[in-house]
Amino acid sequence: MAPIIPHSLGGTHLPRNCFVLCAECHLTSPDCARAKYFVAFINRSSSQEHCLGTEQLFDDA
């Protein structure tokens, strides 16, 4: 489980700030205070070979 906005940057522990990622994506996910960058990362990563079978999950915010 990864925070969309890291706790160190003001993110909460609430479920709406959590996202399930594979280990590789968790290691490379961005640490930023704006959710739109995390969303863009997820949408790009869903097309990677290790994440095949997933689809674009969000509209870019």
Protein backbone atom coordinates (compact mmCIF):
# COMPACT_ATOMS: atom_id res chain seq x y z
CA MET A 1 0.00 0.00 0.00
CA ALA A 2 1.48 3.34 -1.04
CA PRO A 3 0.34 6.82 -0.07
CA ILE A 4 -0.70 8.99 -2.99
CA ILE A 5 0.63 12.01 -1.12
CA PRO A 6 3.36 10.89 1.29
CA HIS A 7 2.81 11.50 4.99
CA SER A 8 6.01 13.57 5.08
CA LEU A 9 4.44 15.96 2.54
CA GLY A 10 1.12 16.34 4.35
CA GLY A 11 -0.71 13.21 3.16
CA THR A 12 -3.14 11.49 5.48
CA HIS A 13 -3.52 7.91 6.64
CA LEU A 14 -7.07 7.85 5.25
CA PRO A 15 -8.01 5.21 2.67
CA ARG A 16 -8.58 7.87 -0.02
CA ASN A 17 -4.84 8.62 0.11
CA CYS A 18 -3.78 4.98 -0.33
CA PHE A 19 -3.12 3.01 -3.48
CA VAL A 20 -2.03 -0.60 -4.01
CA LEU A 21 1.10 -0.88 -6.16
CA CYS A 22 3.35 -3.72 -7.22
CA ALA A 23 6.78 -3.66 -5.57
CA GLU A 24 8.52 -2.22 -8.63
CA CYS A 25 6.02 0.63 -9.02
CA HIS A 26 6.13 1.34 -5.29
CA LEU A 27 9.90 1.84 -5.47
CA THR A 28 9.68 4.18 -8.45
CA SER A 29 6.50 6.10 -7.56
CA PRO A 30 6.95 9.86 -7.14
CA ASP A 31 6.98 11.54 -3.75
CA CYS A 32 5.14 14.78 -4.37
CA ALA A 33 2.51 16.90 -2.68
CA ARG A 34 0.19 17.03 -5.70
CA ALA A 35 -1.94 13.99 -6.50
CA LYS A 36 -1.95 14.73 -10.24
CA TYR A 37 1.69 13.64 -10.53
CA PHE A 38 0.95 10.32 -8.81
CA VAL A 39 -2.05 9.82 -11.11
CA ALA A 40 0.09 10.51 -14.19
CA PHE A 41 2.69 8.01 -12.93
CA ILE A 42 0.01 5.32 -12.43
CA ASN A 43 -1.43 5.91 -15.89
CA ARG A 44 2.04 5.61 -17.48
CA SER A 45 3.03 2.59 -15.36
CA SER A 46 -0.10 0.62 -16.16
CA SER A 47 1.26 0.08 -19.66
CA GLN A 48 4.56 -1.38 -18.43
CA GLU A 49 5.21 -5.09 -18.99
CA HIS A 50 5.24 -5.93 -15.29
CA CYS A 51 1.79 -4.35 -14.90
CA LEU A 52 0.07 -5.92 -17.91
CA GLY A 53 -3.55 -6.63 -17.28
CA THR A 54 -4.16 -3.30 -15.59
CA GLU A 55 -5.78 -0.41 -17.36
CA GLN A 56 -5.74 3.34 -17.04
CA LEU A 57 -7.32 3.93 -13.68
CA PHE A 58 -7.78 7.68 -13.46
CA ASP A 59 -8.41 10.69 -15.57
CA ASP A 60 -5.46 13.06 -15.32
CA ALA A 61 -6.22 15.50 -12.53
